[in-house]
N, C-alpha and C. Protein backbone atom coordinates (compact mmCIF):
# COMPACT_ATOMS: atom_id res chain seq x y z
N MET A 1 -54.60 184.60 84.72
CA MET A 1 -56.15 185.25 84.11
C MET A 1 -57.27 184.33 84.58
N SER A 2 -57.90 185.24 85.15
CA SER A 2 -59.05 183.90 85.40
C SER A 2 -60.13 183.76 84.14
N ASP A 3 -60.93 182.86 84.38
CA ASP A 3 -61.74 182.48 83.02
C ASP A 3 -62.69 183.39 83.05
N PRO A 4 -63.11 183.29 81.38
CA PRO A 4 -64.13 184.63 81.13
C PRO A 4 -65.35 183.92 81.57
N LEU A 5 -66.07 185.08 82.07
CA LEU A 5 -67.62 184.87 81.93
C LEU A 5 -68.34 184.13 81.21
N HIS A 6 -69.47 183.47 81.10
CA HIS A 6 -70.29 182.96 80.69
C HIS A 6 -71.69 182.77 81.15
N THR A 7 -72.66 183.49 80.06
CA THR A 7 -74.12 183.92 80.56
C THR A 7 -75.05 182.18 80.58
N LEU A 8 -75.35 182.41 81.81
CA LEU A 8 -76.35 180.99 81.79
C LEU A 8 -77.43 181.17 81.65
N HIS A 9 -78.52 180.99 80.66
CA HIS A 9 -79.74 181.23 81.28
C HIS A 9 -80.39 180.50 81.74
N VAL A 10 -81.34 180.38 82.96
CA VAL A 10 -81.94 179.56 83.72
C VAL A 10 -83.60 179.86 83.98
N ASN A 11 -84.45 178.95 84.12
CA ASN A 11 -85.83 179.51 84.04
C ASN A 11 -86.12 178.76 85.50
N ILE A 12 -86.37 179.79 86.22
CA ILE A 12 -86.94 179.56 88.00
C ILE A 12 -88.19 180.16 88.02
N LEU A 13 -89.12 179.41 88.75
CA LEU A 13 -90.74 179.51 88.49
C LEU A 13 -91.28 180.41 87.25
N ASP A 14 -90.69 179.49 86.41
CA ASP A 14 -91.61 180.38 85.04
C ASP A 14 -90.95 181.61 85.09
N ARG A 15 -89.83 182.03 85.33
CA ARG A 15 -89.29 183.24 84.45
C ARG A 15 -87.65 182.92 84.52
N ASP A 16 -87.62 183.64 83.15
CA ASP A 16 -86.06 183.40 82.59
C ASP A 16 -84.92 184.35 83.19
N TYR A 17 -83.91 183.95 83.77
CA TYR A 17 -82.93 184.75 84.54
C TYR A 17 -81.49 184.15 83.56
N GLY A 18 -80.92 185.53 83.72
CA GLY A 18 -79.29 185.23 82.76
C GLY A 18 -78.76 185.43 84.00
N VAL A 19 -77.65 184.41 84.27
CA VAL A 19 -76.49 184.50 85.13
C VAL A 19 -75.36 184.50 84.99
N SER A 20 -73.85 185.39 84.76
CA SER A 20 -72.59 185.11 84.55
C SER A 20 -72.28 184.02 85.24
N CYS A 21 -71.35 183.58 85.17
CA CYS A 21 -70.60 182.19 85.99
C CYS A 21 -68.75 182.43 85.15
N PRO A 22 -68.30 181.71 85.90
CA PRO A 22 -67.10 181.13 85.26
C PRO A 22 -67.55 179.59 84.29
N PRO A 23 -67.15 179.35 83.05
CA PRO A 23 -67.35 178.20 82.52
C PRO A 23 -67.66 177.02 83.68
N SER A 24 -66.34 176.62 84.47
CA SER A 24 -66.17 175.48 85.41
C SER A 24 -67.07 175.32 86.35
N GLU A 25 -67.99 176.34 86.53
CA GLU A 25 -69.40 176.43 87.69
C GLU A 25 -70.21 175.89 87.05
N VAL A 26 -70.49 176.19 85.01
CA VAL A 26 -72.04 175.97 84.49
C VAL A 26 -72.46 174.86 85.32
N ASP A 27 -72.19 173.95 85.19
CA ASP A 27 -72.99 172.91 85.91
C ASP A 27 -73.72 172.59 87.26
N GLU A 28 -72.23 173.21 88.20
CA GLU A 28 -73.15 173.23 89.48
C GLU A 28 -74.34 174.58 89.49
N LEU A 29 -74.18 175.59 88.78
CA LEU A 29 -75.32 176.29 88.95
C LEU A 29 -76.79 176.21 87.92
N LYS A 30 -76.54 175.24 87.02
CA LYS A 30 -77.60 174.85 86.49
C LYS A 30 -78.21 173.46 87.51
N ASN A 31 -77.67 172.99 88.20
CA ASN A 31 -78.00 172.41 89.74
C ASN A 31 -78.98 173.18 90.61
N SER A 32 -78.05 174.24 90.79
CA SER A 32 -78.28 175.21 91.82
C SER A 32 -79.91 175.46 91.42
N ALA A 33 -80.08 176.18 90.01
CA ALA A 33 -80.80 176.70 89.47
C ALA A 33 -82.24 175.55 89.61
N ARG A 34 -82.31 174.74 89.16
CA ARG A 34 -83.14 173.48 89.27
C ARG A 34 -83.69 173.13 90.78
N LEU A 35 -82.84 173.03 91.70
CA LEU A 35 -82.88 172.84 93.00
C LEU A 35 -83.77 173.99 93.24
N LEU A 36 -83.43 175.08 92.78
CA LEU A 36 -84.35 176.55 93.88
C LEU A 36 -85.89 176.38 92.89
N ASP A 37 -85.80 175.84 91.52
CA ASP A 37 -87.19 175.72 91.02
C ASP A 37 -87.85 174.58 91.35
N GLU A 38 -87.49 173.43 91.79
CA GLU A 38 -88.05 172.45 92.64
C GLU A 38 -88.84 173.00 93.78
N ARG A 39 -87.96 173.31 94.62
CA ARG A 39 -88.23 174.18 96.08
C ARG A 39 -89.45 175.29 95.95
N MET A 40 -89.50 176.40 94.83
CA MET A 40 -90.42 177.46 94.67
C MET A 40 -91.54 176.47 94.20
N ARG A 41 -91.56 175.94 93.43
CA ARG A 41 -92.58 175.04 93.24
C ARG A 41 -93.40 174.32 94.21
N GLU A 42 -92.60 173.72 94.83
CA GLU A 42 -93.11 172.59 95.89
C GLU A 42 -94.26 173.26 96.73
N ILE A 43 -93.33 174.90 97.14
CA ILE A 43 -94.11 175.66 98.18
C ILE A 43 -95.39 176.52 97.35
N ARG A 44 -95.44 176.45 95.86
CA ARG A 44 -96.35 177.83 95.41
C ARG A 44 -97.48 176.36 95.58
N ARG A 45 -97.07 175.25 94.79
CA ARG A 45 -98.41 174.18 95.31
C ARG A 45 -98.74 174.19 96.78
N SER A 46 -97.96 174.15 97.82
CA SER A 46 -98.73 174.26 98.87
C SER A 46 -99.85 175.07 99.09
N GLY A 47 -99.68 176.25 98.45
CA GLY A 47 -101.09 177.25 98.61
C GLY A 47 -100.81 178.13 99.89
N LYS A 48 -99.83 177.82 100.71
CA LYS A 48 -99.99 178.53 102.12
C LYS A 48 -99.25 180.02 101.51
N ILE A 49 -98.50 180.21 100.67
CA ILE A 49 -97.93 181.51 100.71
C ILE A 49 -97.82 182.66 99.21
N VAL A 50 -98.32 183.04 99.12
CA VAL A 50 -98.36 183.57 97.80
C VAL A 50 -97.63 185.07 97.77
N GLY A 51 -97.30 185.31 96.03
CA GLY A 51 -96.12 185.79 95.79
C GLY A 51 -95.17 185.35 95.35
N VAL A 52 -94.60 186.00 94.22
CA VAL A 52 -92.98 184.75 93.92
C VAL A 52 -91.88 185.55 95.16
N ASP A 53 -92.10 186.84 95.21
CA ASP A 53 -90.79 186.95 96.15
C ASP A 53 -91.04 186.46 97.58
N ARG A 54 -92.19 185.92 98.27
CA ARG A 54 -92.37 185.29 99.36
C ARG A 54 -91.62 183.70 99.24
N ILE A 55 -92.13 183.38 98.51
CA ILE A 55 -92.04 181.59 97.85
C ILE A 55 -90.62 181.81 97.97
N ALA A 56 -89.78 182.37 97.20
CA ALA A 56 -88.01 182.88 96.79
C ALA A 56 -88.01 183.15 98.21
N VAL A 57 -88.29 183.64 99.06
CA VAL A 57 -87.68 184.04 100.54
C VAL A 57 -87.71 182.77 101.09
N MET A 58 -88.86 181.98 101.25
CA MET A 58 -89.20 180.77 101.87
C MET A 58 -88.27 179.83 101.61
N ALA A 59 -87.90 179.41 99.85
CA ALA A 59 -87.84 178.50 99.17
C ALA A 59 -85.79 178.96 100.12
N ALA A 60 -85.36 180.04 99.54
CA ALA A 60 -84.02 180.61 99.99
C ALA A 60 -83.69 180.14 101.64
N LEU A 61 -84.66 180.44 102.68
CA LEU A 61 -84.74 180.02 103.80
C LEU A 61 -84.47 178.66 104.22
N ASN A 62 -85.52 177.87 103.90
CA ASN A 62 -85.43 176.08 103.27
C ASN A 62 -84.28 175.37 102.92
N ILE A 63 -83.62 176.20 102.03
CA ILE A 63 -82.10 175.86 101.32
C ILE A 63 -80.80 176.05 102.45
N ALA A 64 -80.98 177.54 103.01
CA ALA A 64 -79.92 178.00 103.89
C ALA A 64 -79.87 176.68 105.36
N HIS A 65 -81.24 176.82 105.59
CA HIS A 65 -81.29 175.66 106.91
C HIS A 65 -80.73 174.63 106.93
N GLU A 66 -81.30 173.70 105.76
CA GLU A 66 -80.61 172.64 105.43
C GLU A 66 -78.70 172.59 105.25
N LEU A 67 -78.64 174.15 104.32
CA LEU A 67 -76.95 174.07 104.80
C LEU A 67 -76.05 174.05 105.93
N ILE A 68 -77.12 174.48 106.58
CA ILE A 68 -76.30 175.01 108.12
C ILE A 68 -76.44 173.95 109.10
N LYS A 69 -77.69 173.05 108.77
CA LYS A 69 -78.00 171.95 109.07
C LYS A 69 -76.70 170.74 108.90
N ALA A 70 -76.54 170.64 107.30
CA ALA A 70 -75.31 170.04 106.82
C ALA A 70 -74.20 169.93 107.65
N GLN A 71 -73.31 171.22 107.68
CA GLN A 71 -72.42 171.62 108.07
C GLN A 71 -72.25 171.64 109.47
N SER A 72 -73.18 171.79 110.04
CA SER A 72 -73.21 171.34 111.43
C SER A 72 -72.80 169.76 111.83
N GLU A 73 -73.72 168.80 111.31
CA GLU A 73 -73.70 167.58 111.14
C GLU A 73 -72.13 167.09 110.39
N LEU A 74 -71.64 167.82 109.74
CA LEU A 74 -69.92 167.53 109.23
C LEU A 74 -68.89 167.91 110.18
N ALA A 75 -69.21 169.13 110.55
CA ALA A 75 -68.11 169.51 112.11
C ALA A 75 -68.70 168.58 112.94
N ASN A 76 -69.46 167.99 113.11
CA ASN A 76 -69.44 166.51 114.84
C ASN A 76 -68.91 165.88 113.83
N TYR A 77 -69.08 165.13 112.37
CA TYR A 77 -68.49 164.06 111.90
C TYR A 77 -66.70 164.14 112.07
N ASP A 78 -66.58 165.67 111.93
CA ASP A 78 -64.79 165.62 112.13
C ASP A 78 -64.33 165.76 113.35
N ARG A 79 -65.46 166.35 114.14
CA ARG A 79 -64.58 166.08 115.74
C ARG A 79 -64.91 164.54 115.81
N ILE A 80 -65.44 163.24 115.71
CA ILE A 80 -65.93 162.29 115.92
C ILE A 80 -64.87 161.65 115.37
N THR A 81 -64.50 161.91 114.17
CA THR A 81 -63.02 161.56 113.35
C THR A 81 -62.07 161.72 114.08
N GLU A 82 -61.86 162.74 114.36
CA GLU A 82 -60.87 163.13 114.92
C GLU A 82 -60.51 161.98 116.57
N LYS A 83 -61.07 162.07 116.82
CA LYS A 83 -61.42 161.58 118.32
C LYS A 83 -61.21 159.77 118.11
N GLN A 84 -61.62 159.47 116.84
CA GLN A 84 -61.36 158.16 116.68
C GLN A 84 -59.93 158.02 116.10
N LEU A 85 -59.37 159.07 115.50
CA LEU A 85 -57.93 158.94 115.19
C LEU A 85 -57.13 159.26 115.89
N ALA A 86 -57.23 159.56 117.20
CA ALA A 86 -56.38 160.11 118.19
C ALA A 86 -56.67 158.72 118.96
N LYS A 87 -57.61 158.25 119.09
CA LYS A 87 -57.65 156.84 120.23
C LYS A 87 -56.47 155.64 119.10
N LEU A 88 -56.71 155.69 117.52
CA LEU A 88 -56.10 154.90 116.75
C LEU A 88 -54.69 154.88 117.07
N ASN A 89 -54.20 156.19 116.88
CA ASN A 89 -52.79 156.51 116.87
C ASN A 89 -52.35 156.43 118.60
N ASP A 90 -53.17 156.08 119.35
CA ASP A 90 -52.46 156.45 120.96
C ASP A 90 -52.62 154.53 120.69
N LYS A 91 -53.65 153.56 120.10
CA LYS A 91 -53.47 152.15 120.47
C LYS A 91 -51.80 151.67 119.36
N ILE A 92 -51.95 152.21 118.86
CA ILE A 92 -50.49 152.16 117.47
C ILE A 92 -49.29 152.37 118.23
N GLU A 93 -49.04 153.52 119.14
CA GLU A 93 -47.90 154.26 119.93
C GLU A 93 -47.50 153.45 120.96
N ARG A 94 -48.62 152.86 121.57
CA ARG A 94 -48.59 151.80 122.99
C ARG A 94 -48.32 150.39 122.09
N ALA A 95 -48.84 149.89 120.84
CA ALA A 95 -48.29 148.73 120.45
C ALA A 95 -46.66 148.80 120.19
N LEU A 96 -46.32 150.05 119.46
CA LEU A 96 -44.86 150.39 119.26
C LEU A 96 -44.25 149.69 120.21
N ALA A 97 -44.55 150.61 121.36
CA ALA A 97 -44.12 150.72 122.31
C ALA A 97 -43.59 149.59 123.07
N SER A 98 -44.66 148.78 122.83
CA SER A 98 -44.80 147.08 123.60
C SER A 98 -43.63 146.37 122.39
N ALA A 99 -43.48 146.47 121.35
CA ALA A 99 -42.89 145.77 120.23
C ALA A 99 -41.57 146.10 120.54
N ARG A 100 -41.40 147.77 120.63
CA ARG A 100 -39.83 147.88 121.13
C ARG A 100 -39.50 147.40 122.32
N GLN A 101 -40.01 147.29 123.08
CA GLN A 101 -39.54 146.44 124.71
C GLN A 101 -39.15 145.26 124.45
N LEU A 102 -40.00 144.53 123.66
CA LEU A 102 -39.68 143.02 123.47
C LEU A 102 -38.85 143.14 122.59
N ASP A 103 -38.04 143.66 121.75
CA ASP A 103 -36.89 144.25 120.70
C ASP A 103 -35.47 143.73 121.71
N LEU A 104 -35.70 144.32 122.91
CA LEU A 104 -34.66 144.69 123.92
C LEU A 104 -34.15 143.41 124.54
């Protein structure tokens, strides 16, 4: 059976929101709300964007952009790691083959 939902109250840009989430995700949700609040406040302080809706959209776009960029970088690291592991595996195989020939 799934965890019962917990209602967490968060404050984002001076507005209160009740959000349901499993107890195991409360800390992540708090951190997410804090991040969103900080980003929205930064955008509001810049004075270039007016209106809570527009500020929220810009903050969401910025966070989504950072997420996509991080995912892309992670995928690139995965490719690099796979190549490095393949090279190491090849070296190990060659070393083992040489050791086997010496045993003969």
